[in-house]
């Protein structure tokens, strides 16, 4: 039986990248080096949308949030997590129990409503 503190190893780099959003930047090299994780691939759809809407700038070794991106930082982080974990890359079957499905639907509704803005 797992606990909230024991997550699958392949989820750790996702959580690390999402946690870096609060600082306005994600160092691309750290997850590559520590976990053999490629953020530019894992979050490609979110990054592309954010670059197009001027919320992110992708530089050589860092993904940076713009001022507009910092305003949307929590939502961007949620979008990154949903893209990577719920599109089959994270294999988080345990998040599909009833309470988590409710939380997932709330988060997805928030993300979908943001796209209508």
PDB file of N, CA and C in Angstrom:
ATOM      1  N   UNK A   1       0.838  -1.172   0.000  1.00  0.00           N
ATOM      2  CA  UNK A   1       0.000   0.000   0.000  1.00  0.00           C
ATOM      3  C   UNK A   1       0.890   1.244   0.000  1.00  0.00           C
ATOM      4  N   UNK A   2       0.598   2.171  -0.865  1.00  0.00           N
ATOM      5  CA  UNK A   2       1.388   3.391  -0.971  1.00  0.00           C
ATOM      6  C   UNK A   2       0.818   4.494  -0.108  1.00  0.00           C
ATOM      7  N   UNK A   3       1.561   5.541  -0.023  1.00  0.00           N
ATOM      8  CA  UNK A   3       1.085   6.722   0.683  1.00  0.00           C
ATOM      9  C   UNK A   3       1.215   7.920  -0.242  1.00  0.00           C
ATOM     10  N   UNK A   4       0.775   9.053   0.230  1.00  0.00           N
ATOM     11  CA  UNK A   4       0.854  10.269  -0.569  1.00  0.00           C
ATOM     12  C   UNK A   4       2.312  10.623  -0.873  1.00  0.00           C
ATOM     13  N   UNK A   5       3.232  10.121  -0.071  1.00  0.00           N
ATOM     14  CA  UNK A   5       4.638  10.443  -0.253  1.00  0.00           C
ATOM     15  C   UNK A   5       5.383   9.438  -1.118  1.00  0.00           C
ATOM     16  N   UNK A   6       4.737   8.361  -1.529  1.00  0.00           N
ATOM     17  CA  UNK A   6       5.404   7.392  -2.392  1.00  0.00           C
ATOM     18  C   UNK A   6       4.747   7.419  -3.768  1.00  0.00           C
ATOM     19  N   UNK A   7       5.322   8.189  -4.640  1.00  0.00           N
ATOM     20  CA  UNK A   7       4.800   8.298  -5.999  1.00  0.00           C
ATOM     21  C   UNK A   7       5.680   7.475  -6.922  1.00  0.00           C
ATOM     22  N   UNK A   8       5.129   7.019  -8.046  1.00  0.00           N
ATOM     23  CA  UNK A   8       5.951   6.277  -9.004  1.00  0.00           C
ATOM     24  C   UNK A   8       7.150   7.117  -9.448  1.00  0.00           C
ATOM     25  N   UNK A   9       8.269   6.464  -9.661  1.00  0.00           N
ATOM     26  CA  UNK A   9       9.510   7.165 -10.015  1.00  0.00           C
ATOM     27  C   UNK A   9       9.358   8.024 -11.262  1.00  0.00           C
ATOM     28  N   UNK A  10       8.544   7.565 -12.227  1.00  0.00           N
ATOM     29  CA  UNK A  10       8.410   8.332 -13.473  1.00  0.00           C
ATOM     30  C   UNK A  10       7.581   9.601 -13.301  1.00  0.00           C
ATOM     31  N   UNK A  11       6.965   9.785 -12.152  1.00  0.00           N
ATOM     32  CA  UNK A  11       6.166  10.983 -11.894  1.00  0.00           C
ATOM     33  C   UNK A  11       7.010  12.085 -11.239  1.00  0.00           C
ATOM     34  N   UNK A  12       8.092  11.710 -10.597  1.00  0.00           N
ATOM     35  CA  UNK A  12       8.922  12.680  -9.874  1.00  0.00           C
ATOM     36  C   UNK A  12       9.406  13.823 -10.766  1.00  0.00           C
ATOM     37  N   UNK A  13       9.941  13.560 -11.974  1.00  0.00           N
ATOM     38  CA  UNK A  13      10.377  14.702 -12.790  1.00  0.00           C
ATOM     39  C   UNK A  13       9.226  15.603 -13.230  1.00  0.00           C
ATOM     40  N   UNK A  14       8.044  15.039 -13.400  1.00  0.00           N
ATOM     41  CA  UNK A  14       6.871  15.845 -13.756  1.00  0.00           C
ATOM     42  C   UNK A  14       6.555  16.796 -12.607  1.00  0.00           C
ATOM     43  N   UNK A  15       6.509  16.257 -11.398  1.00  0.00           N
ATOM     44  CA  UNK A  15       6.228  17.084 -10.222  1.00  0.00           C
ATOM     45  C   UNK A  15       7.298  18.150 -10.025  1.00  0.00           C
ATOM     46  N   UNK A  16       8.553  17.787 -10.262  1.00  0.00           N
ATOM     47  CA  UNK A  16       9.638  18.759 -10.114  1.00  0.00           C
ATOM     48  C   UNK A  16       9.459  19.908 -11.104  1.00  0.00           C
ATOM     49  N   UNK A  17       9.211  19.579 -12.368  1.00  0.00           N
ATOM     50  CA  UNK A  17       9.039  20.624 -13.389  1.00  0.00           C
ATOM     51  C   UNK A  17       7.861  21.530 -13.057  1.00  0.00           C
ATOM     52  N   UNK A  18       6.736  20.935 -12.690  1.00  0.00           N
ATOM     53  CA  UNK A  18       5.551  21.730 -12.359  1.00  0.00           C
ATOM     54  C   UNK A  18       5.837  22.617 -11.142  1.00  0.00           C
ATOM     55  N   UNK A  19       6.589  22.111 -10.179  1.00  0.00           N
ATOM     56  CA  UNK A  19       6.893  22.916  -8.988  1.00  0.00           C
ATOM     57  C   UNK A  19       7.753  24.130  -9.322  1.00  0.00           C
ATOM     58  N   UNK A  20       8.523  24.058 -10.379  1.00  0.00           N
ATOM     59  CA  UNK A  20       9.398  25.166 -10.757  1.00  0.00           C
ATOM     60  C   UNK A  20       8.643  26.343 -11.360  1.00  0.00           C
ATOM     61  N   UNK A  21       7.399  26.111 -11.768  1.00  0.00           N
ATOM     62  CA  UNK A  21       6.572  27.180 -12.343  1.00  0.00           C
ATOM     63  C   UNK A  21       6.460  28.357 -11.374  1.00  0.00           C
ATOM     64  N   UNK A  22       6.390  28.077 -10.075  1.00  0.00           N
ATOM     65  CA  UNK A  22       6.248  29.161  -9.096  1.00  0.00           C
ATOM     66  C   UNK A  22       7.427  30.124  -9.116  1.00  0.00           C
ATOM     67  N   UNK A  23       8.565  29.673  -9.631  1.00  0.00           N
ATOM     68  CA  UNK A  23       9.745  30.534  -9.723  1.00  0.00           C
ATOM     69  C   UNK A  23       9.843  31.235 -11.078  1.00  0.00           C
ATOM     70  N   UNK A  24       8.917  30.912 -11.975  1.00  0.00           N
ATOM     71  CA  UNK A  24       8.888  31.566 -13.273  1.00  0.00           C
ATOM     72  C   UNK A  24       9.811  30.967 -14.309  1.00  0.00           C
ATOM     73  N   UNK A  25      10.412  29.828 -13.976  1.00  0.00           N
ATOM     74  CA  UNK A  25      11.309  29.205 -14.947  1.00  0.00           C
ATOM     75  C   UNK A  25      11.517  27.733 -14.629  1.00  0.00           C
ATOM     76  N   UNK A  26      11.754  26.971 -15.678  1.00  0.00           N
ATOM     77  CA  UNK A  26      12.072  25.552 -15.528  1.00  0.00           C
ATOM     78  C   UNK A  26      13.421  25.327 -16.191  1.00  0.00           C
ATOM     79  N   UNK A  27      14.393  24.911 -15.409  1.00  0.00           N
ATOM     80  CA  UNK A  27      15.701  24.553 -15.954  1.00  0.00           C
ATOM     81  C   UNK A  27      15.530  23.240 -16.716  1.00  0.00           C
ATOM     82  N   UNK A  28      15.819  23.231 -17.987  1.00  0.00           N
ATOM     83  CA  UNK A  28      15.611  22.046 -18.824  1.00  0.00           C
ATOM     84  C   UNK A  28      16.662  20.971 -18.538  1.00  0.00           C
ATOM     85  N   UNK A  29      17.857  21.372 -18.188  1.00  0.00           N
ATOM     86  CA  UNK A  29      18.952  20.419 -18.005  1.00  0.00           C
ATOM     87  C   UNK A  29      18.816  19.565 -16.747  1.00  0.00           C
ATOM     88  N   UNK A  30      18.263  20.097 -15.680  1.00  0.00           N
ATOM     89  CA  UNK A  30      18.165  19.329 -14.432  1.00  0.00           C
ATOM     90  C   UNK A  30      17.355  18.046 -14.604  1.00  0.00           C
ATOM     91  N   UNK A  31      16.132  18.090 -15.147  1.00  0.00           N
ATOM     92  CA  UNK A  31      15.404  16.829 -15.307  1.00  0.00           C
ATOM     93  C   UNK A  31      16.042  15.895 -16.337  1.00  0.00           C
ATOM     94  N   UNK A  32      16.702  16.452 -17.328  1.00  0.00           N
ATOM     95  CA  UNK A  32      17.418  15.602 -18.296  1.00  0.00           C
ATOM     96  C   UNK A  32      18.523  14.828 -17.589  1.00  0.00           C
ATOM     97  N   UNK A  33      19.292  15.537 -16.799  1.00  0.00           N
ATOM     98  CA  UNK A  33      20.450  14.950 -16.133  1.00  0.00           C
ATOM     99  C   UNK A  33      20.036  14.005 -14.994  1.00  0.00           C
ATOM    100  N   UNK A  34      19.086  14.426 -14.174  1.00  0.00           N
ATOM    101  CA  UNK A  34      18.732  13.646 -12.980  1.00  0.00           C
ATOM    102  C   UNK A  34      17.827  12.458 -13.263  1.00  0.00           C
ATOM    103  N   UNK A  35      16.900  12.615 -14.221  1.00  0.00           N
ATOM    104  CA  UNK A  35      15.893  11.573 -14.431  1.00  0.00           C
ATOM    105  C   UNK A  35      15.771  11.117 -15.880  1.00  0.00           C
ATOM    106  N   UNK A  36      16.634  11.593 -16.759  1.00  0.00           N
ATOM    107  CA  UNK A  36      16.527  11.283 -18.186  1.00  0.00           C
ATOM    108  C   UNK A  36      15.124  11.628 -18.695  1.00  0.00           C
ATOM    109  N   UNK A  37      14.654  12.795 -18.306  1.00  0.00           N
ATOM    110  CA  UNK A  37      13.305  13.278 -18.614  1.00  0.00           C
ATOM    111  C   UNK A  37      13.418  14.499 -19.509  1.00  0.00           C
ATOM    112  N   UNK A  38      12.667  14.504 -20.579  1.00  0.00           N
ATOM    113  CA  UNK A  38      12.716  15.587 -21.557  1.00  0.00           C
ATOM    114  C   UNK A  38      11.481  16.477 -21.438  1.00  0.00           C
ATOM    115  N   UNK A  39      11.580  17.608 -20.728  1.00  0.00           N
ATOM    116  CA  UNK A  39      10.421  18.482 -20.533  1.00  0.00           C
ATOM    117  C   UNK A  39       9.831  19.018 -21.834  1.00  0.00           C
ATOM    118  N   UNK A  40      10.675  19.297 -22.814  1.00  0.00           N
ATOM    119  CA  UNK A  40      10.166  19.860 -24.069  1.00  0.00           C
ATOM    120  C   UNK A  40       9.263  18.874 -24.803  1.00  0.00           C
ATOM    121  N   UNK A  41       9.513  17.584 -24.627  1.00  0.00           N
ATOM    122  CA  UNK A  41       8.646  16.559 -25.222  1.00  0.00           C
ATOM    123  C   UNK A  41       7.429  16.286 -24.337  1.00  0.00           C
ATOM    124  N   UNK A  42       7.661  16.161 -23.045  1.00  0.00           N
ATOM    125  CA  UNK A  42       6.587  15.796 -22.117  1.00  0.00           C
ATOM    126  C   UNK A  42       5.473  16.833 -22.077  1.00  0.00           C
ATOM    127  N   UNK A  43       5.840  18.101 -22.217  1.00  0.00           N
ATOM    128  CA  UNK A  43       4.869  19.191 -22.115  1.00  0.00           C
ATOM    129  C   UNK A  43       4.719  19.943 -23.439  1.00  0.00           C
ATOM    130  N   UNK A  44       4.976  19.269 -24.545  1.00  0.00           N
ATOM    131  CA  UNK A  44       5.037  19.931 -25.860  1.00  0.00           C
ATOM    132  C   UNK A  44       3.779  20.729 -26.197  1.00  0.00           C
ATOM    133  N   UNK A  45       2.614  20.172 -25.977  1.00  0.00           N
ATOM    134  CA  UNK A  45       1.366  20.857 -26.328  1.00  0.00           C
ATOM    135  C   UNK A  45       1.171  22.109 -25.478  1.00  0.00           C
ATOM    136  N   UNK A  46       1.378  21.981 -24.181  1.00  0.00           N
ATOM    137  CA  UNK A  46       1.232  23.132 -23.283  1.00  0.00           C
ATOM    138  C   UNK A  46       2.254  24.207 -23.621  1.00  0.00           C
ATOM    139  N   UNK A  47       3.493  23.809 -23.848  1.00  0.00           N
ATOM    140  CA  UNK A  47       4.541  24.776 -24.179  1.00  0.00           C
ATOM    141  C   UNK A  47       4.207  25.501 -25.473  1.00  0.00           C
ATOM    142  N   UNK A  48       3.793  24.761 -26.488  1.00  0.00           N
ATOM    143  CA  UNK A  48       3.458  25.384 -27.775  1.00  0.00           C
ATOM    144  C   UNK A  48       2.338  26.414 -27.611  1.00  0.00           C
ATOM    145  N   UNK A  49       1.292  26.037 -26.878  1.00  0.00           N
ATOM    146  CA  UNK A  49       0.179  26.961 -26.670  1.00  0.00           C
ATOM    147  C   UNK A  49       0.632  28.191 -25.894  1.00  0.00           C
ATOM    148  N   UNK A  50       1.449  27.974 -24.870  1.00  0.00           N
ATOM    149  CA  UNK A  50       1.917  29.095 -24.045  1.00  0.00           C
ATOM    150  C   UNK A  50       2.866  30.015 -24.813  1.00  0.00           C
ATOM    151  N   UNK A  51       3.693  29.467 -25.667  1.00  0.00           N
ATOM    152  CA  UNK A  51       4.573  30.298 -26.495  1.00  0.00           C
ATOM    153  C   UNK A  51       3.725  31.116 -27.463  1.00  0.00           C
ATOM    154  N   UNK A  52       2.743  30.460 -28.088  1.00  0.00           N
ATOM    155  CA  UNK A  52       1.857  31.158 -29.034  1.00  0.00           C
ATOM    156  C   UNK A  52       1.077  32.287 -28.369  1.00  0.00           C
ATOM    157  N   UNK A  53       0.710  32.108 -27.110  1.00  0.00           N
ATOM    158  CA  UNK A  53      -0.063  33.140 -26.409  1.00  0.00           C
ATOM    159  C   UNK A  53       0.830  34.064 -25.570  1.00  0.00           C
ATOM    160  N   UNK A  54       2.133  33.997 -25.828  1.00  0.00           N
ATOM    161  CA  UNK A  54       3.123  34.868 -25.178  1.00  0.00           C
ATOM    162  C   UNK A  54       3.151  34.728 -23.655  1.00  0.00           C
ATOM    163  N   UNK A  55       2.956  33.503 -23.178  1.00  0.00           N
ATOM    164  CA  UNK A  55       3.038  33.213 -21.749  1.00  0.00           C
ATOM    165  C   UNK A  55       4.374  32.571 -21.377  1.00  0.00           C
ATOM    166  N   UNK A  56       5.071  32.019 -22.391  1.00  0.00           N
ATOM    167  CA  UNK A  56       6.354  31.350 -22.169  1.00  0.00           C
ATOM    168  C   UNK A  56       7.335  31.726 -23.261  1.00  0.00           C
ATOM    169  N   UNK A  57       8.606  31.652 -22.891  1.00  0.00           N
ATOM    170  CA  UNK A  57       9.702  31.790 -23.844  1.00  0.00           C
ATOM    171  C   UNK A  57      10.609  30.586 -23.620  1.00  0.00           C
ATOM    172  N   UNK A  58      10.919  29.856 -24.687  1.00  0.00           N
ATOM    173  CA  UNK A  58      11.824  28.715 -24.584  1.00  0.00           C
ATOM    174  C   UNK A  58      13.201  29.178 -25.048  1.00  0.00           C
ATOM    175  N   UNK A  59      14.144  29.082 -24.150  1.00  0.00           N
ATOM    176  CA  UNK A  59      15.530  29.443 -24.455  1.00  0.00           C
ATOM    177  C   UNK A  59      16.360  28.165 -24.515  1.00  0.00           C
ATOM    178  N   UNK A  60      17.662  28.296 -24.670  1.00  0.00           N
ATOM    179  CA  UNK A  60      18.533  27.131 -24.845  1.00  0.00           C
ATOM    180  C   UNK A  60      18.372  26.096 -23.727  1.00  0.00           C
ATOM    181  N   UNK A  61      18.474  26.507 -22.484  1.00  0.00           N
ATOM    182  CA  UNK A  61      18.431  25.560 -21.363  1.00  0.00           C
ATOM    183  C   UNK A  61      17.357  25.862 -20.335  1.00  0.00           C
ATOM    184  N   UNK A  62      16.398  26.717 -20.701  1.00  0.00           N
ATOM    185  CA  UNK A  62      15.393  27.110 -19.720  1.00  0.00           C
ATOM    186  C   UNK A  62      14.076  27.461 -20.413  1.00  0.00           C
ATOM    187  N   UNK A  63      12.998  27.169 -19.721  1.00  0.00           N
ATOM    188  CA  UNK A  63      11.669  27.615 -20.132  1.00  0.00           C
ATOM    189  C   UNK A  63      11.306  28.723 -19.155  1.00  0.00           C
ATOM    190  N   UNK A  64      11.013  29.907 -19.667  1.00  0.00           N
ATOM    191  CA  UNK A  64      10.714  31.048 -18.800  1.00  0.00           C
ATOM    192  C   UNK A  64       9.281  31.512 -19.000  1.00  0.00           C
ATOM    193  N   UNK A  65       8.648  31.877 -17.909  1.00  0.00           N
ATOM    194  CA  UNK A  65       7.320  32.468 -17.988  1.00  0.00           C
ATOM    195  C   UNK A  65       7.455  33.974 -18.174  1.00  0.00           C
ATOM    196  N   UNK A  66       6.608  34.527 -19.008  1.00  0.00           N
ATOM    197  CA  UNK A  66       6.530  35.974 -19.156  1.00  0.00           C
ATOM    198  C   UNK A  66       5.674  36.520 -18.012  1.00  0.00           C
ATOM    199  N   UNK A  67       5.489  37.822 -17.977  1.00  0.00           N
ATOM    200  CA  UNK A  67       4.611  38.417 -16.961  1.00  0.00           C
ATOM    201  C   UNK A  67       3.208  37.838 -17.088  1.00  0.00           C
ATOM    202  N   UNK A  68       2.729  37.732 -18.317  1.00  0.00           N
ATOM    203  CA  UNK A  68       1.415  37.130 -18.560  1.00  0.00           C
ATOM    204  C   UNK A  68       1.408  35.673 -18.089  1.00  0.00           C
ATOM    205  N   UNK A  69       2.495  34.960 -18.347  1.00  0.00           N
ATOM    206  CA  UNK A  69       2.610  33.573 -17.913  1.00  0.00           C
ATOM    207  C   UNK A  69       2.595  33.428 -16.406  1.00  0.00           C
ATOM    208  N   UNK A  70       3.218  34.368 -15.711  1.00  0.00           N
ATOM    209  CA  UNK A  70       3.206  34.322 -14.244  1.00  0.00           C
ATOM    210  C   UNK A  70       1.791  34.508 -13.707  1.00  0.00           C
ATOM    211  N   UNK A  71       1.002  35.329 -14.389  1.00  0.00           N
ATOM    212  CA  UNK A  71      -0.397  35.493 -13.985  1.00  0.00           C
ATOM    213  C   UNK A  71      -1.129  34.154 -14.063  1.00  0.00           C
ATOM    214  N   UNK A  72      -0.843  33.378 -15.114  1.00  0.00           N
ATOM    215  CA  UNK A  72      -1.508  32.100 -15.344  1.00  0.00           C
ATOM    216  C   UNK A  72      -0.696  30.912 -14.822  1.00  0.00           C
ATOM    217  N   UNK A  73       0.310  31.145 -13.991  1.00  0.00           N
ATOM    218  CA  UNK A  73       1.249  30.095 -13.587  1.00  0.00           C
ATOM    219  C   UNK A  73       0.575  28.855 -13.002  1.00  0.00           C
ATOM    220  N   UNK A  74      -0.370  29.016 -12.109  1.00  0.00           N
ATOM    221  CA  UNK A  74      -1.030  27.846 -11.512  1.00  0.00           C
ATOM    222  C   UNK A  74      -1.769  27.035 -12.562  1.00  0.00           C
ATOM    223  N   UNK A  75      -2.436  27.709 -13.473  1.00  0.00           N
ATOM    224  CA  UNK A  75      -3.166  27.008 -14.528  1.00  0.00           C
ATOM    225  C   UNK A  75      -2.198  26.331 -15.487  1.00  0.00           C
ATOM    226  N   UNK A  76      -1.118  27.001 -15.834  1.00  0.00           N
ATOM    227  CA  UNK A  76      -0.116  26.407 -16.725  1.00  0.00           C
ATOM    228  C   UNK A  76       0.471  25.151 -16.086  1.00  0.00           C
ATOM    229  N   UNK A  77       0.794  25.219 -14.806  1.00  0.00           N
ATOM    230  CA  UNK A  77       1.309  24.044 -14.106  1.00  0.00           C
ATOM    231  C   UNK A  77       0.318  22.892 -14.125  1.00  0.00           C
ATOM    232  N   UNK A  78      -0.952  23.197 -13.916  1.00  0.00           N
ATOM    233  CA  UNK A  78      -1.993  22.160 -13.971  1.00  0.00           C
ATOM    234  C   UNK A  78      -2.092  21.575 -15.372  1.00  0.00           C
ATOM    235  N   UNK A  79      -2.016  22.423 -16.390  1.00  0.00           N
ATOM    236  CA  UNK A  79      -2.071  21.941 -17.773  1.00  0.00           C
ATOM    237  C   UNK A  79      -0.891  21.028 -18.081  1.00  0.00           C
ATOM    238  N   UNK A  80       0.291  21.392 -17.601  1.00  0.00           N
ATOM    239  CA  UNK A  80       1.470  20.555 -17.816  1.00  0.00           C
ATOM    240  C   UNK A  80       1.278  19.183 -17.173  1.00  0.00           C
ATOM    241  N   UNK A  81       0.808  19.173 -15.936  1.00  0.00           N
ATOM    242  CA  UNK A  81       0.605  17.907 -15.227  1.00  0.00           C
ATOM    243  C   UNK A  81      -0.442  17.052 -15.918  1.00  0.00           C
ATOM    244  N   UNK A  82      -1.553  17.666 -16.302  1.00  0.00           N
ATOM    245  CA  UNK A  82      -2.620  16.917 -16.973  1.00  0.00           C
ATOM    246  C   UNK A  82      -2.117  16.359 -18.295  1.00  0.00           C
ATOM    247  N   UNK A  83      -1.412  17.176 -19.062  1.00  0.00           N
ATOM    248  CA  UNK A  83      -0.895  16.710 -20.354  1.00  0.00           C
ATOM    249  C   UNK A  83      -0.006  15.492 -20.188  1.00  0.00           C
ATOM    250  N   UNK A  84       0.891  15.549 -19.244  1.00  0.00           N
ATOM    251  CA  UNK A  84       1.857  14.469 -19.083  1.00  0.00           C
ATOM    252  C   UNK A  84       1.279  13.258 -18.354  1.00  0.00           C
ATOM    253  N   UNK A  85       0.559  13.479 -17.272  1.00  0.00           N
ATOM    254  CA  UNK A  85       0.102  12.363 -16.450  1.00  0.00           C
ATOM    255  C   UNK A  85      -1.162  11.695 -16.962  1.00  0.00           C
ATOM    256  N   UNK A  86      -2.077  12.454 -17.522  1.00  0.00           N
ATOM    257  CA  UNK A  86      -3.343  11.866 -17.948  1.00  0.00           C
ATOM    258  C   UNK A  86      -3.387  11.505 -19.418  1.00  0.00           C
ATOM    259  N   UNK A  87      -2.338  11.778 -20.160  1.00  0.00           N
ATOM    260  CA  UNK A  87      -2.300  11.361 -21.557  1.00  0.00           C
ATOM    261  C   UNK A  87      -1.442  10.119 -21.729  1.00  0.00           C
ATOM    262  N   UNK A  88      -1.335   9.329 -20.691  1.00  0.00           N
ATOM    263  CA  UNK A  88      -0.687   8.040 -20.805  1.00  0.00           C
ATOM    264  C   UNK A  88       0.788   8.007 -20.464  1.00  0.00           C
ATOM    265  N   UNK A  89       1.418   9.137 -20.244  1.00  0.00           N
ATOM    266  CA  UNK A  89       2.853   9.124 -19.988  1.00  0.00           C
ATOM    267  C   UNK A  89       3.175   8.777 -18.535  1.00  0.00           C
ATOM    268  N   UNK A  90       2.271   9.111 -17.622  1.00  0.00           N
ATOM    269  CA  UNK A  90       2.555   8.899 -16.206  1.00  0.00           C
ATOM    270  C   UNK A  90       2.016   7.601 -15.649  1.00  0.00           C
ATOM    271  N   UNK A  91       1.085   6.969 -16.358  1.00  0.00           N
ATOM    272  CA  UNK A  91       0.506   5.694 -15.948  1.00  0.00           C
ATOM    273  C   UNK A  91      -0.035   5.732 -14.524  1.00  0.00           C
ATOM    274  N   UNK A  92      -0.796   6.764 -14.204  1.00  0.00           N
ATOM    275  CA  UNK A  92      -1.312   6.916 -12.846  1.00  0.00           C
ATOM    276  C   UNK A  92      -2.723   6.348 -12.715  1.00  0.00           C
ATOM    277  N   UNK A  93      -2.829   5.051 -12.785  1.00  0.00           N
ATOM    278  CA  UNK A  93      -4.120   4.400 -12.654  1.00  0.00           C
ATOM    279  C   UNK A  93      -4.740   4.705 -11.299  1.00  0.00           C
ATOM    280  N   UNK A  94      -3.919   4.835 -10.264  1.00  0.00           N
ATOM    281  CA  UNK A  94      -4.435   5.074  -8.917  1.00  0.00           C
ATOM    282  C   UNK A  94      -5.165   6.407  -8.798  1.00  0.00           C
ATOM    283  N   UNK A  95      -4.929   7.334  -9.706  1.00  0.00           N
ATOM    284  CA  UNK A  95      -5.629   8.612  -9.658  1.00  0.00           C
ATOM    285  C   UNK A  95      -7.030   8.528 -10.249  1.00  0.00           C
ATOM    286  N   UNK A  96      -7.436   7.353 -10.656  1.00  0.00           N
ATOM    287  CA  UNK A  96      -8.748   7.210 -11.271  1.00  0.00           C
ATOM    288  C   UNK A  96      -9.808   6.712 -10.288  1.00  0.00           C
ATOM    289  N   UNK A  97      -9.530   6.710  -8.984  1.00  0.00           N
ATOM    290  CA  UNK A  97     -10.581   6.357  -8.038  1.00  0.00           C
ATOM    291  C   UNK A  97     -11.598   7.499  -7.993  1.00  0.00           C
ATOM    292  N   UNK A  98     -12.751   7.269  -7.398  1.00  0.00           N
ATOM    293  CA  UNK A  98     -13.844   8.245  -7.461  1.00  0.00           C
ATOM    294  C   UNK A  98     -13.476   9.649  -6.982  1.00  0.00           C
ATOM    295  N   UNK A  99     -12.865   9.829  -5.804  1.00  0.00           N
ATOM    296  CA  UNK A  99     -12.536  11.198  -5.388  1.00  0.00           C
ATOM    297  C   UNK A  99     -11.567  11.891  -6.344  1.00  0.00           C
ATOM    298  N   UNK A 100     -10.609  11.129  -6.869  1.00  0.00           N
ATOM    299  CA  UNK A 100      -9.646  11.730  -7.785  1.00  0.00           C
ATOM    300  C   UNK A 100     -10.285  12.070  -9.118  1.00  0.00           C
ATOM    301  N   UNK A 101     -11.251  11.265  -9.553  1.00  0.00           N
ATOM    302  CA  UNK A 101     -11.954  11.585 -10.799  1.00  0.00           C
ATOM    303  C   UNK A 101     -12.691  12.914 -10.664  1.00  0.00           C
ATOM    304  N   UNK A 102     -13.267  13.149  -9.501  1.00  0.00           N
ATOM    305  CA  UNK A 102     -13.970  14.416  -9.273  1.00  0.00           C
ATOM    306  C   UNK A 102     -12.975  15.569  -9.346  1.00  0.00           C
ATOM    307  N   UNK A 103     -11.841  15.439  -8.651  1.00  0.00           N
ATOM    308  CA  UNK A 103     -10.814  16.487  -8.684  1.00  0.00           C
ATOM    309  C   UNK A 103     -10.280  16.676 -10.096  1.00  0.00           C
ATOM    310  N   UNK A 104     -10.080  15.571 -10.797  1.00  0.00           N
ATOM    311  CA  UNK A 104      -9.587  15.646 -12.178  1.00  0.00           C
ATOM    312  C   UNK A 104     -10.578  16.403 -13.050  1.00  0.00           C
ATOM    313  N   UNK A 105     -11.857  16.099 -12.930  1.00  0.00           N
ATOM    314  CA  UNK A 105     -12.872  16.774 -13.745  1.00  0.00           C
ATOM    315  C   UNK A 105     -12.949  18.261 -13.424  1.00  0.00           C
ATOM    316  N   UNK A 106     -12.819  18.612 -12.158  1.00  0.00           N
ATOM    317  CA  UNK A 106     -12.818  20.032 -11.780  1.00  0.00           C
ATOM    318  C   UNK A 106     -11.633  20.734 -12.430  1.00  0.00           C
ATOM    319  N   UNK A 107     -10.448  20.112 -12.352  1.00  0.00           N
ATOM    320  CA  UNK A 107      -9.254  20.709 -12.939  1.00  0.00           C
ATOM    321  C   UNK A 107      -9.390  20.822 -14.457  1.00  0.00           C
ATOM    322  N   UNK A 108      -9.888  19.769 -15.098  1.00  0.00           N
ATOM    323  CA  UNK A 108     -10.057  19.807 -16.550  1.00  0.00           C
ATOM    324  C   UNK A 108     -11.086  20.852 -16.964  1.00  0.00           C
ATOM    325  N   UNK A 109     -12.163  21.007 -16.189  1.00  0.00           N
ATOM    326  CA  UNK A 109     -13.160  22.047 -16.483  1.00  0.00           C
ATOM    327  C   UNK A 109     -12.538  23.435 -16.405  1.00  0.00           C
ATOM    328  N   UNK A 110     -11.695  23.666 -15.388  1.00  0.00           N
ATOM    329  CA  UNK A 110     -11.010  24.958 -15.250  1.00  0.00           C
ATOM    330  C   UNK A 110     -10.118  25.222 -16.456  1.00  0.00           C
ATOM    331  N   UNK A 111      -9.375  24.205 -16.864  1.00  0.00           N
ATOM    332  CA  UNK A 111      -8.472  24.364 -18.005  1.00  0.00           C
ATOM    333  C   UNK A 111      -9.264  24.627 -19.276  1.00  0.00           C
ATOM    334  N   UNK A 112     -10.331  23.876 -19.477  1.00  0.00           N
ATOM    335  CA  UNK A 112     -11.158  24.076 -20.676  1.00  0.00           C
ATOM    336  C   UNK A 112     -11.779  25.467 -20.692  1.00  0.00           C
ATOM    337  N   UNK A 113     -12.233  25.947 -19.541  1.00  0.00           N
ATOM    338  CA  UNK A 113     -12.858  27.272 -19.492  1.00  0.00           C
ATOM    339  C   UNK A 113     -11.837  28.363 -19.780  1.00  0.00           C
ATOM    340  N   UNK A 114     -10.596  28.153 -19.423  1.00  0.00           N
ATOM    341  CA  UNK A 114      -9.545  29.133 -19.695  1.00  0.00           C
ATOM    342  C   UNK A 114      -9.301  29.264 -21.193  1.00  0.00           C
ATOM    343  N   UNK A 115      -9.438  28.180 -21.924  1.00  0.00           N
ATOM    344  CA  UNK A 115      -9.192  28.207 -23.364  1.00  0.00           C
ATOM    345  C   UNK A 115     -10.252  29.012 -24.104  1.00  0.00           C
ATOM    346  N   UNK A 116     -11.400  29.230 -23.460  1.00  0.00           N
ATOM    347  CA  UNK A 116     -12.474  30.010 -24.079  1.00  0.00           C
ATOM    348  C   UNK A 116     -12.262  31.507 -23.921  1.00  0.00           C
ATOM    349  N   UNK A 117     -11.269  31.903 -23.137  1.00  0.00           N
ATOM    350  CA  UNK A 117     -11.040  33.334 -22.866  1.00  0.00           C
ATOM    351  C   UNK A 117     -10.448  34.001 -24.085  1.00  0.00           C
TER     352      UNK A 117
END
